C-alpha atoms as a PDB file:
ATOM      1  CA  MET A   1       0.089   0.012  -0.050  1.00  0.00           C
ATOM      2  CA  GLN A   2       2.856   2.368   0.943  1.00  0.00           C
ATOM      3  CA  LYS A   3       4.482   1.533  -2.472  1.00  0.00           C
ATOM      4  CA  VAL A   4       1.351   2.365  -4.343  1.00  0.00           C
ATOM      5  CA  ASN A   5       1.053   5.662  -2.423  1.00  0.00           C
ATOM      6  CA  ARG A   6       4.647   6.543  -3.264  1.00  0.00           C
ATOM      7  CA  ILE A   7       3.825   6.047  -7.014  1.00  0.00           C
ATOM      8  CA  LEU A   8       0.375   7.541  -7.250  1.00  0.00           C
ATOM      9  CA  LEU A   9       0.803  10.601  -4.877  1.00  0.00           C
ATOM     10  CA  PRO A  10       3.523  12.178  -7.122  1.00  0.00           C
ATOM     11  CA  GLN A  11       1.482  11.534 -10.169  1.00  0.00           C
ATOM     12  CA  ALA A  12      -1.565  13.121  -8.602  1.00  0.00           C
ATOM     13  CA  LYS A  13       0.414  16.192  -7.869  1.00  0.00           C
ATOM     14  CA  LYS A  14       1.633  16.331 -11.433  1.00  0.00           C
ATOM     15  CA  TYR A  15      -1.900  16.176 -12.657  1.00  0.00           C
ATOM     16  CA  PHE A  16      -2.904  18.884 -10.159  1.00  0.00           C
ATOM     17  CA  LEU A  17      -0.147  21.194 -11.579  1.00  0.00           C
ATOM     18  CA  SER A  18      -1.298  20.361 -15.029  1.00  0.00           C
ATOM     19  CA  ALA A  19      -4.811  21.324 -14.226  1.00  0.00           C
ATOM     20  CA  PHE A  20      -3.433  24.401 -12.514  1.00  0.00           C
ATOM     21  CA  LEU A  21      -1.472  25.275 -15.651  1.00  0.00           C
ATOM     22  CA  PHE A  22      -4.584  25.029 -17.858  1.00  0.00           C
ATOM     23  CA  ILE A  23      -6.605  27.144 -15.615  1.00  0.00           C
ATOM     24  CA  GLY A  24      -3.761  29.753 -15.350  1.00  0.00           C
ATOM     25  CA  LEU A  25      -3.552  29.956 -19.227  1.00  0.00           C
ATOM     26  CA  ALA A  26      -7.378  30.505 -19.350  1.00  0.00           C
ATOM     27  CA  VAL A  27      -7.225  33.234 -16.838  1.00  0.00           C
ATOM     28  CA  PHE A  28      -4.138  34.902 -18.658  1.00  0.00           C
ATOM     29  CA  PHE A  29      -5.981  35.102 -21.865  1.00  0.00           C
ATOM     30  CA  TYR A  30      -9.195  36.331 -20.012  1.00  0.00           C
ATOM     31  CA  LEU A  31      -7.057  39.112 -18.376  1.00  0.00           C
ATOM     32  CA  THR A  32      -5.404  40.034 -21.555  1.00  0.00           C
ATOM     33  CA  VAL A  33      -8.757  40.503 -23.495  1.00  0.00           C
ATOM     34  CA  LYS A  34     -10.441  42.151 -20.527  1.00  0.00           C
ATOM     35  CA  ASN A  35      -7.830  44.826 -20.031  1.00  0.00           C
ATOM     36  CA  ASN A  36      -7.418  45.635 -23.720  1.00  0.00           C
ATOM     37  CA  THR A  37      -3.774  45.049 -23.407  1.00  0.00           C
ATOM     38  CA  TRP A  38      -2.947  45.505 -27.223  1.00  0.00           C
ATOM     39  CA  GLU A  39      -4.946  48.639 -27.648  1.00  0.00           C
ATOM     40  CA  MET A  40      -3.135  50.047 -24.523  1.00  0.00           C
ATOM     41  CA  ALA A  41       0.249  49.144 -26.059  1.00  0.00           C
ATOM     42  CA  ILE A  42      -0.618  51.114 -29.211  1.00  0.00           C
ATOM     43  CA  GLU A  43      -1.821  54.086 -27.389  1.00  0.00           C
ATOM     44  CA  LEU A  44       1.209  54.149 -25.241  1.00  0.00           C
ATOM     45  CA  GLY A  45       3.554  53.332 -28.057  1.00  0.00           C
ATOM     46  CA  TRP A  46       5.186  49.935 -28.310  1.00  0.00           C
ATOM     47  CA  GLY A  47       8.546  51.192 -27.268  1.00  0.00           C
ATOM     48  CA  LEU A  48       7.382  52.731 -24.087  1.00  0.00           C
ATOM     49  CA  PHE A  49       5.031  49.698 -23.360  1.00  0.00           C
ATOM     50  CA  LEU A  50       7.954  47.270 -23.630  1.00  0.00           C
ATOM     51  CA  ILE A  51      10.213  49.458 -21.500  1.00  0.00           C
ATOM     52  CA  LEU A  52       7.588  49.546 -18.828  1.00  0.00           C
ATOM     53  CA  ILE A  53       7.242  45.660 -19.010  1.00  0.00           C
ATOM     54  CA  SER A  54      11.012  45.431 -18.724  1.00  0.00           C
ATOM     55  CA  ILE A  55      10.864  47.679 -15.476  1.00  0.00           C
ATOM     56  CA  ALA A  56       8.051  45.601 -14.084  1.00  0.00           C
ATOM     57  CA  ILE A  57      10.160  42.309 -14.588  1.00  0.00           C
ATOM     58  CA  PHE A  58      13.075  44.076 -12.915  1.00  0.00           C
ATOM     59  CA  CYS A  59      10.851  44.915 -10.020  1.00  0.00           C
ATOM     60  CA  ILE A  60       9.654  41.314  -9.722  1.00  0.00           C
ATOM     61  CA  MET A  61      13.425  40.087  -9.753  1.00  0.00           C
ATOM     62  CA  GLU A  62      14.151  42.736  -7.083  1.00  0.00           C
ATOM     63  CA  ASN A  63      11.180  41.311  -5.072  1.00  0.00           C
ATOM     64  CA  ILE A  64      12.728  37.840  -5.166  1.00  0.00           C
ATOM     65  CA  LEU A  65      16.016  39.141  -4.198  1.00  0.00           C
ATOM     66  CA  ALA A  66      14.396  40.681  -1.123  1.00  0.00           C
ATOM     67  CA  SER A  67      12.872  37.497  -0.040  1.00  0.00           C
ATOM     68  CA  GLN A  68      16.215  35.632  -0.625  1.00  0.00           C
ATOM     69  CA  ILE A  69      17.977  38.022   1.619  1.00  0.00           C
ATOM     70  CA  LEU A  70      15.270  37.617   4.259  1.00  0.00           C
ATOM     71  CA  LEU A  71      15.674  33.849   4.089  1.00  0.00           C
ATOM     72  CA  ARG A  72      19.377  34.085   4.526  1.00  0.00           C
ATOM     73  CA  GLY A  73      19.003  36.304   7.469  1.00  0.00           C
ATOM     74  CA  MET A  74      16.952  33.426   9.083  1.00  0.00           C
ATOM     75  CA  GLY A  75      19.751  31.012   8.197  1.00  0.00           C
ATOM     76  CA  TYR A  76      18.609  29.410   5.071  1.00  0.00           C
ATOM     77  CA  ASN A  77      20.677  29.806   1.714  1.00  0.00           C
ATOM     78  CA  VAL A  78      18.257  29.430  -0.968  1.00  0.00           C
ATOM     79  CA  SER A  79      19.065  29.554  -4.634  1.00  0.00           C
ATOM     80  CA  PHE A  80      17.542  32.460  -6.622  1.00  0.00           C
ATOM     81  CA  THR A  81      16.302  30.155  -9.268  1.00  0.00           C
ATOM     82  CA  LYS A  82      14.099  27.975  -6.859  1.00  0.00           C
ATOM     83  CA  LEU A  83      12.872  31.063  -5.156  1.00  0.00           C
ATOM     84  CA  TYR A  84      11.856  32.537  -8.489  1.00  0.00           C
ATOM     85  CA  LEU A  85       9.721  29.484  -9.421  1.00  0.00           C
ATOM     86  CA  ILE A  86       8.063  29.417  -6.092  1.00  0.00           C
ATOM     87  CA  LEU A  87       7.261  33.124  -5.928  1.00  0.00           C
ATOM     88  CA  THR A  88       6.014  33.380  -9.562  1.00  0.00           C
ATOM     89  CA  THR A  89       3.927  30.246  -9.046  1.00  0.00           C
ATOM     90  CA  SER A  90       2.312  31.722  -5.943  1.00  0.00           C
ATOM     91  CA  LEU A  91       1.303  34.829  -8.040  1.00  0.00           C
ATOM     92  CA  VAL A  92      -0.484  32.425 -10.438  1.00  0.00           C
ATOM     93  CA  ALA A  93      -2.349  31.047  -7.548  1.00  0.00           C
ATOM     94  CA  ASN A  94      -3.191  34.650  -6.439  1.00  0.00           C
ATOM     95  CA  TYR A  95      -4.855  35.587  -9.743  1.00  0.00           C
ATOM     96  CA  SER A  96      -6.437  32.255 -10.451  1.00  0.00           C
ATOM     97  CA  ALA A  97      -8.681  32.207  -7.326  1.00  0.00           C
ATOM     98  CA  PRO A  98     -11.071  34.729  -5.943  1.00  0.00           C
ATOM     99  CA  THR A  99      -8.998  35.167  -2.815  1.00  0.00           C
ATOM    100  CA  LYS A 100      -5.281  35.364  -2.263  1.00  0.00           C
ATOM    101  CA  ILE A 101      -4.349  31.744  -1.971  1.00  0.00           C
ATOM    102  CA  GLY A 102      -0.821  32.443  -3.188  1.00  0.00           C
ATOM    103  CA  VAL A 103       0.387  32.828   0.520  1.00  0.00           C
ATOM    104  CA  PRO A 104      -0.513  29.355   1.657  1.00  0.00           C
ATOM    105  CA  VAL A 105       0.694  28.010  -1.815  1.00  0.00           C
ATOM    106  CA  ARG A 106       4.135  29.708  -1.208  1.00  0.00           C
ATOM    107  CA  ILE A 107       4.416  28.436   2.291  1.00  0.00           C
ATOM    108  CA  PHE A 108       3.526  24.745   0.924  1.00  0.00           C
ATOM    109  CA  LEU A 109       6.207  25.236  -1.879  1.00  0.00           C
ATOM    110  CA  TYR A 110       8.743  26.499   0.747  1.00  0.00           C
ATOM    111  CA  LYS A 111       8.414  23.227   2.621  1.00  0.00           C
ATOM    112  CA  LYS A 112       8.161  20.869  -0.256  1.00  0.00           C
ATOM    113  CA  ILE A 113      10.931  22.316  -2.518  1.00  0.00           C
ATOM    114  CA  LEU A 114      13.281  24.005  -0.155  1.00  0.00           C
ATOM    115  CA  GLY A 115      12.753  21.759   2.748  1.00  0.00           C
ATOM    116  CA  ILE A 116      12.206  24.546   5.222  1.00  0.00           C
ATOM    117  CA  PRO A 117      10.133  23.602   8.406  1.00  0.00           C
ATOM    118  CA  PHE A 118       6.504  24.560   8.204  1.00  0.00           C
ATOM    119  CA  PRO A 119       6.705  27.058  11.111  1.00  0.00           C
ATOM    120  CA  VAL A 120       9.799  28.694   9.668  1.00  0.00           C
ATOM    121  CA  CYS A 121       7.971  29.016   6.335  1.00  0.00           C
ATOM    122  CA  THR A 122       5.005  30.682   7.984  1.00  0.00           C
ATOM    123  CA  ALA A 123       7.276  32.967  10.066  1.00  0.00           C
ATOM    124  CA  ASN A 124       9.167  34.085   6.934  1.00  0.00           C
ATOM    125  CA  VAL A 125       6.041  34.839   4.857  1.00  0.00           C
ATOM    126  CA  SER A 126       4.251  36.435   7.812  1.00  0.00           C
ATOM    127  CA  LEU A 127       7.380  38.707   8.509  1.00  0.00           C
ATOM    128  CA  GLU A 128       7.385  39.842   4.889  1.00  0.00           C
ATOM    129  CA  ILE A 129       3.657  40.776   5.050  1.00  0.00           C
ATOM    130  CA  CYS A 130       4.026  42.524   8.344  1.00  0.00           C
ATOM    131  CA  ILE A 131       7.061  44.565   7.148  1.00  0.00           C
ATOM    132  CA  GLY A 132       5.055  45.431   3.988  1.00  0.00           C
ATOM    133  CA  ILE A 133       2.051  46.607   5.987  1.00  0.00           C
ATOM    134  CA  GLY A 134       4.363  48.373   8.642  1.00  0.00           C
ATOM    135  CA  THR A 135       6.589  50.217   6.196  1.00  0.00           C
ATOM    136  CA  GLY A 136       3.789  50.967   3.794  1.00  0.00           C
ATOM    137  CA  GLY A 137       1.454  52.076   6.681  1.00  0.00           C
ATOM    138  CA  LEU A 138       3.946  54.443   8.098  1.00  0.00           C
ATOM    139  CA  ILE A 139       4.420  56.039   4.543  1.00  0.00           C
ATOM    140  CA  SER A 140       0.673  55.974   4.032  1.00  0.00           C
ATOM    141  CA  LEU A 141      -0.081  57.647   7.118  1.00  0.00           C
ATOM    142  CA  ILE A 142       2.135  60.536   6.139  1.00  0.00           C
ATOM    143  CA  GLY A 143       0.417  60.462   2.643  1.00  0.00           C
ATOM    144  CA  ILE A 144      -3.091  60.508   4.132  1.00  0.00           C
ATOM    145  CA  ILE A 145      -2.059  63.478   6.287  1.00  0.00           C
ATOM    146  CA  HIS A 146      -0.796  65.231   3.122  1.00  0.00           C
ATOM    147  CA  LEU A 147      -3.531  64.263   0.825  1.00  0.00           C
ATOM    148  CA  PHE A 148      -6.480  64.314   3.092  1.00  0.00           C
ATOM    149  CA  ASP A 149      -5.738  67.153   5.782  1.00  0.00           C
ATOM    150  CA  ASP A 150      -9.453  67.914   5.737  1.00  0.00           C
ATOM    151  CA  ILE A 151     -10.090  64.620   7.416  1.00  0.00           C
ATOM    152  CA  LEU A 152      -7.124  64.555   9.680  1.00  0.00           C
ATOM    153  CA  LEU A 153      -9.315  63.722  12.836  1.00  0.00           C
ATOM    154  CA  ASN A 154     -10.140  60.318  11.470  1.00  0.00           C
ATOM    155  CA  ASN A 155      -6.594  59.227  11.028  1.00  0.00           C
ATOM    156  CA  TRP A 156      -6.418  57.512  14.300  1.00  0.00           C
ATOM    157  CA  ILE A 157      -8.864  55.044  13.141  1.00  0.00           C
ATOM    158  CA  LEU A 158      -6.476  54.193  10.124  1.00  0.00           C
ATOM    159  CA  LEU A 159      -3.424  54.007  12.499  1.00  0.00           C
ATOM    160  CA  PHE A 160      -5.351  51.560  14.602  1.00  0.00           C
ATOM    161  CA  CYS A 161      -6.086  49.440  11.477  1.00  0.00           C
ATOM    162  CA  PHE A 162      -2.417  49.301  10.615  1.00  0.00           C
ATOM    163  CA  PHE A 163      -1.615  47.687  13.992  1.00  0.00           C
ATOM    164  CA  ILE A 164      -4.460  45.058  13.929  1.00  0.00           C
ATOM    165  CA  PRO A 165      -2.201  42.320  12.567  1.00  0.00           C
ATOM    166  CA  VAL A 166       0.406  43.033  15.377  1.00  0.00           C
ATOM    167  CA  ILE A 167      -2.250  42.954  17.890  1.00  0.00           C
ATOM    168  CA  LEU A 168      -3.725  39.833  16.632  1.00  0.00           C
ATOM    169  CA  PHE A 169      -0.267  37.981  16.499  1.00  0.00           C
ATOM    170  CA  PHE A 170       0.558  38.885  20.272  1.00  0.00           C
ATOM    171  CA  GLY A 171      -3.067  38.122  21.204  1.00  0.00           C
ATOM    172  CA  VAL A 172      -2.983  34.589  19.598  1.00  0.00           C
ATOM    173  CA  LYS A 173       0.548  34.114  21.057  1.00  0.00           C
ATOM    174  CA  PHE A 174      -0.676  34.878  24.592  1.00  0.00           C
ATOM    175  CA  PHE A 175      -3.742  32.742  24.109  1.00  0.00           C
ATOM    176  CA  VAL A 176      -1.671  29.683  23.143  1.00  0.00           C
ATOM    177  CA  LYS A 177       0.730  30.196  25.969  1.00  0.00           C
ATOM    178  CA  SER A 178      -2.117  30.290  28.443  1.00  0.00           C
ATOM    179  CA  LEU A 179      -3.651  26.883  27.261  1.00  0.00           C
ATOM    180  CA  SER A 180      -3.116  23.705  29.168  1.00  0.00           C
ATOM    181  CA  LEU A 181      -0.270  21.654  27.591  1.00  0.00           C
ATOM    182  CA  THR A 182      -1.701  18.371  28.728  1.00  0.00           C
ATOM    183  CA  SER A 183      -3.321  17.809  25.309  1.00  0.00           C
ATOM    184  CA  GLN A 184      -1.014  16.659  22.547  1.00  0.00           C
ATOM    185  CA  PHE A 185      -2.921  18.856  20.211  1.00  0.00           C
ATOM    186  CA  PHE A 186      -2.245  22.022  22.242  1.00  0.00           C
ATOM    187  CA  GLN A 187       1.552  20.786  22.702  1.00  0.00           C
ATOM    188  CA  ARG A 188       1.938  20.873  18.916  1.00  0.00           C
ATOM    189  CA  ILE A 189       0.393  24.380  18.758  1.00  0.00           C
ATOM    190  CA  PHE A 190       2.634  25.540  21.301  1.00  0.00           C
ATOM    191  CA  HIS A 191       5.739  24.006  19.560  1.00  0.00           C
ATOM    192  CA  PHE A 192       4.710  25.629  16.391  1.00  0.00           C
ATOM    193  CA  PHE A 193       4.516  29.147  17.932  1.00  0.00           C
ATOM    194  CA  ASN A 194       7.784  28.433  19.720  1.00  0.00           C
ATOM    195  CA  VAL A 195       9.593  27.737  16.384  1.00  0.00           C
ATOM    196  CA  PHE A 196       7.805  30.575  14.873  1.00  0.00           C
ATOM    197  CA  ASN A 197       8.846  33.070  17.433  1.00  0.00           C
ATOM    198  CA  ASP A 198      12.424  31.702  17.492  1.00  0.00           C
ATOM    199  CA  SER A 199      12.494  32.058  13.665  1.00  0.00           C
ATOM    200  CA  ILE A 200      11.416  35.707  13.904  1.00  0.00           C
ATOM    201  CA  LYS A 201      13.945  36.474  16.522  1.00  0.00           C
ATOM    202  CA  LYS A 202      16.853  34.935  14.556  1.00  0.00           C
ATOM    203  CA  VAL A 203      16.500  37.262  11.614  1.00  0.00           C
ATOM    204  CA  SER A 204      19.525  39.468  11.406  1.00  0.00           C
ATOM    205  CA  LYS A 205      18.992  43.315  11.545  1.00  0.00           C
ATOM    206  CA  THR A 206      21.139  43.684   8.516  1.00  0.00           C
ATOM    207  CA  ALA A 207      18.831  41.504   6.548  1.00  0.00           C
ATOM    208  CA  LEU A 208      15.778  43.354   7.850  1.00  0.00           C
ATOM    209  CA  LEU A 209      17.259  46.720   6.877  1.00  0.00           C
ATOM    210  CA  ILE A 210      18.133  45.534   3.375  1.00  0.00           C
ATOM    211  CA  PHE A 211      14.662  44.038   2.895  1.00  0.00           C
ATOM    212  CA  ILE A 212      13.125  47.434   3.874  1.00  0.00           C
ATOM    213  CA  VAL A 213      15.358  49.332   1.655  1.00  0.00           C
ATOM    214  CA  LEU A 214      14.434  46.979  -1.340  1.00  0.00           C
ATOM    215  CA  LEU A 215      10.775  47.394  -0.471  1.00  0.00           C
ATOM    216  CA  VAL A 216      11.089  51.205  -0.785  1.00  0.00           C
ATOM    217  CA  ILE A 217      13.042  51.012  -3.945  1.00  0.00           C
ATOM    218  CA  ARG A 218      10.239  48.725  -5.255  1.00  0.00           C
ATOM    219  CA  LEU A 219       7.666  51.406  -4.409  1.00  0.00           C
ATOM    220  CA  VAL A 220       9.799  54.239  -6.136  1.00  0.00           C
ATOM    221  CA  ILE A 221      10.039  51.990  -9.333  1.00  0.00           C
ATOM    222  CA  ARG A 222       6.164  51.685  -9.332  1.00  0.00           C
ATOM    223  CA  CYS A 223       6.084  55.523  -8.979  1.00  0.00           C
ATOM    224  CA  MET A 224       8.368  55.860 -11.845  1.00  0.00           C
ATOM    225  CA  ILE A 225       6.011  53.878 -14.167  1.00  0.00           C
ATOM    226  CA  THR A 226       3.022  55.957 -12.947  1.00  0.00           C
ATOM    227  CA  TYR A 227       4.906  59.126 -13.443  1.00  0.00           C
ATOM    228  CA  THR A 228       6.076  58.054 -16.919  1.00  0.00           C
ATOM    229  CA  VAL A 229       2.498  57.161 -18.216  1.00  0.00           C
ATOM    230  CA  LEU A 230       1.091  60.518 -16.778  1.00  0.00           C
ATOM    231  CA  GLN A 231       3.908  62.351 -18.378  1.00  0.00           C
ATOM    232  CA  ARG A 232       3.205  60.581 -21.662  1.00  0.00           C
ATOM    233  CA  PHE A 233      -0.239  62.049 -21.685  1.00  0.00           C
ATOM    234  CA  ARG A 234       0.919  65.439 -20.531  1.00  0.00           C
ATOM    235  CA  TYR A 235      -0.339  65.433 -16.954  1.00  0.00           C
ATOM    236  CA  ASN A 236       2.301  66.953 -14.743  1.00  0.00           C
ATOM    237  CA  ILE A 237       1.795  65.664 -11.223  1.00  0.00           C
ATOM    238  CA  SER A 238       4.226  66.207  -8.372  1.00  0.00           C
ATOM    239  CA  PRO A 239       6.432  63.028  -7.826  1.00  0.00           C
ATOM    240  CA  LEU A 240       5.788  63.233  -4.099  1.00  0.00           C
ATOM    241  CA  ASP A 241       2.092  63.062  -4.617  1.00  0.00           C
ATOM    242  CA  ILE A 242       2.431  60.060  -6.798  1.00  0.00           C
ATOM    243  CA  PHE A 243       4.784  58.477  -4.106  1.00  0.00           C
ATOM    244  CA  TYR A 244       1.955  58.847  -1.459  1.00  0.00           C
ATOM    245  CA  VAL A 245      -0.739  57.632  -3.896  1.00  0.00           C
ATOM    246  CA  GLN A 246       1.311  54.524  -4.625  1.00  0.00           C
ATOM    247  CA  SER A 247       1.927  53.788  -0.936  1.00  0.00           C
ATOM    248  CA  ILE A 248      -1.685  54.171   0.070  1.00  0.00           C
ATOM    249  CA  SER A 249      -2.901  52.170  -2.876  1.00  0.00           C
ATOM    250  CA  GLY A 250      -0.224  49.458  -2.294  1.00  0.00           C
ATOM    251  CA  LEU A 251      -1.207  49.195   1.301  1.00  0.00           C
ATOM    252  CA  ILE A 252      -4.891  48.656   0.463  1.00  0.00           C
ATOM    253  CA  SER A 253      -3.789  45.941  -2.040  1.00  0.00           C
ATOM    254  CA  ILE A 254      -1.858  44.106   0.696  1.00  0.00           C
ATOM    255  CA  ILE A 255      -4.523  44.249   3.218  1.00  0.00           C
ATOM    256  CA  SER A 256      -7.359  43.419   0.757  1.00  0.00           C
ATOM    257  CA  MET A 257      -8.006  39.650   0.610  1.00  0.00           C
ATOM    258  CA  VAL A 258      -9.050  39.937  -3.187  1.00  0.00           C
ATOM    259  CA  PRO A 259      -6.413  39.954  -5.869  1.00  0.00           C
ATOM    260  CA  MET A 260      -5.580  43.227  -7.544  1.00  0.00           C
ATOM    261  CA  GLY A 261      -7.203  42.245 -10.736  1.00  0.00           C
ATOM    262  CA  LEU A 262     -10.690  42.260  -9.036  1.00  0.00           C
ATOM    263  CA  GLY A 263     -10.460  45.971  -8.377  1.00  0.00           C
ATOM    264  CA  ALA A 264      -9.252  46.770  -4.840  1.00  0.00           C
ATOM    265  CA  LYS A 265      -6.055  48.360  -5.991  1.00  0.00           C
ATOM    266  CA  ASP A 266      -7.535  49.769  -9.258  1.00  0.00           C
ATOM    267  CA  LEU A 267     -10.338  51.703  -7.616  1.00  0.00           C
ATOM    268  CA  SER A 268      -8.192  53.086  -4.851  1.00  0.00           C
ATOM    269  CA  LEU A 269      -5.526  54.126  -7.376  1.00  0.00           C
ATOM    270  CA  VAL A 270      -8.098  55.934  -9.547  1.00  0.00           C
ATOM    271  CA  ALA A 271      -9.633  57.644  -6.630  1.00  0.00           C
ATOM    272  CA  LEU A 272      -6.270  58.806  -5.277  1.00  0.00           C
ATOM    273  CA  LEU A 273      -5.168  60.125  -8.654  1.00  0.00           C
ATOM    274  CA  VAL A 274      -8.427  61.980  -9.052  1.00  0.00           C
ATOM    275  CA  ARG A 275      -7.626  63.447  -5.526  1.00  0.00           C
ATOM    276  CA  VAL A 276      -4.307  64.845  -6.721  1.00  0.00           C
ATOM    277  CA  GLY A 277      -5.762  66.496  -9.782  1.00  0.00           C
ATOM    278  CA  VAL A 278      -5.672  63.751 -12.585  1.00  0.00           C
ATOM    279  CA  PRO A 279      -8.832  63.476 -14.722  1.00  0.00           C
ATOM    280  CA  ILE A 280     -10.634  60.312 -14.122  1.00  0.00           C
ATOM    281  CA  GLU A 281     -10.122  59.040 -17.602  1.00  0.00           C
ATOM    282  CA  ALA A 282      -6.383  59.437 -17.219  1.00  0.00           C
ATOM    283  CA  GLY A 283      -6.548  57.753 -13.822  1.00  0.00           C
ATOM    284  CA  THR A 284      -8.410  54.815 -15.367  1.00  0.00           C
ATOM    285  CA  LEU A 285      -5.590  54.498 -17.949  1.00  0.00           C
ATOM    286  CA  VAL A 286      -2.917  54.564 -15.508  1.00  0.00           C
ATOM    287  CA  ALA A 287      -4.843  51.820 -13.454  1.00  0.00           C
ATOM    288  CA  ALA A 288      -5.081  49.678 -16.613  1.00  0.00           C
ATOM    289  CA  VAL A 289      -1.288  50.111 -17.124  1.00  0.00           C
ATOM    290  CA  GLU A 290      -0.697  49.048 -13.478  1.00  0.00           C
ATOM    291  CA  ARG A 291      -2.782  46.070 -14.059  1.00  0.00           C
ATOM    292  CA  VAL A 292      -0.838  44.928 -17.004  1.00  0.00           C
ATOM    293  CA  MET A 293       2.509  45.585 -15.282  1.00  0.00           C
ATOM    294  CA  TRP A 294       1.719  43.868 -11.913  1.00  0.00           C
ATOM    295  CA  THR A 295      -0.969  41.306 -13.021  1.00  0.00           C
ATOM    296  CA  ILE A 296      -0.460  40.117 -16.495  1.00  0.00           C
ATOM    297  CA  VAL A 297       3.354  40.309 -16.540  1.00  0.00           C
ATOM    298  CA  PRO A 298       4.003  38.263 -13.213  1.00  0.00           C
ATOM    299  CA  PHE A 299       1.058  35.961 -14.194  1.00  0.00           C
ATOM    300  CA  LEU A 300       2.872  35.038 -17.449  1.00  0.00           C
ATOM    301  CA  LEU A 301       6.064  34.384 -15.690  1.00  0.00           C
ATOM    302  CA  GLY A 302       4.218  32.308 -13.114  1.00  0.00           C
ATOM    303  CA  LEU A 303       2.763  30.132 -15.959  1.00  0.00           C
ATOM    304  CA  PHE A 304       6.368  29.237 -17.029  1.00  0.00           C
ATOM    305  CA  SER A 305       7.216  28.495 -13.571  1.00  0.00           C
ATOM    306  CA  VAL A 306       4.112  26.333 -13.026  1.00  0.00           C
ATOM    307  CA  TYR A 307       5.150  24.281 -16.248  1.00  0.00           C
ATOM    308  CA  ARG A 308       8.616  23.911 -15.135  1.00  0.00           C
ATOM    309  CA  LEU A 309       7.540  22.579 -11.706  1.00  0.00           C
ATOM    310  CA  ASN A 310       5.109  20.272 -13.493  1.00  0.00           C
ATOM    311  CA  VAL A 311       7.957  18.767 -15.632  1.00  0.00           C
ATOM    312  CA  HIS A 312      10.530  18.513 -13.049  1.00  0.00           C
ATOM    313  CA  TRP A 313       8.563  17.576  -9.995  1.00  0.00           C
ATOM    314  CA  PRO A 314      10.534  14.854  -8.085  1.00  0.00           C
ATOM    315  CA  VAL A 315       8.558  11.705  -8.805  1.00  0.00           C
ATOM    316  CA  GLU A 316      11.199   9.239  -7.333  1.00  0.00           C
ATOM    317  CA  ARG A 317      11.288  10.613  -3.880  1.00  0.00           C
ATOM    318  CA  GLY A 318       7.384  11.045  -3.746  1.00  0.00           C
ATOM    319  CA  GLU A 319       7.702  14.760  -2.936  1.00  0.00           C
END
């Protein structure tokens, strides 16, 4: 029976990846048609369109480098190629489902492909999300005060929302510690949180600092793309305003549980651009360009990664 499982389980995983690839291709063509990608390329000019796509790919590679540095800060020396396959595959999962399932898919692939313990995988991804929310939240708070000074009194509510993940983390941690450890189930939970906590503490300060710097650089690159598109259509908006707009919109995208393609980031970006003086038609065009850069491009890269994982999934070991 165990021999049959060792043969059938890897084959089942390969069939699952094949189905995942097929669904991903269908979603990719749907996004391409829905977003009028080719008309947009003609309107922007093919030269500028290809330059923007190249910048988006560079930004994705920079994101992978940041994740690699954070993993090394936790004591795991991971190759860039494997991390590229995992992260881009998780992006396909994000945009192939109504909710952001890319995070659990990424944790699963970390464990299966890289051999990292499950609590450490969870700690790493959670730390990335918390740093993204924390850094983006601080910048966004300044941006909200700058762009919405007329509703300054309501900012304390937003500030509280930024700290909800931190409050939940420490609340759950305290609850787990207060449980009776007589049950084996609770012992496993306690062990999980112990390893989770130790993994967070083990991250070097240098790795954290580099990760935050790369995060800010990535935000600046996104601002460059937005600024370039607005300049192409002769809308002269302050780079600082664009920086704040992107930080607030990016934070909404992280907190939202729906993928960017379903509108959480698009609507906020258009509304914020209108707030700083961009006509709604131009704001909609910028949001469409953003969707191509940060949805269709990583989605296409992810499809190749899913295909590669499907072809090279290690059958012999049953992993």
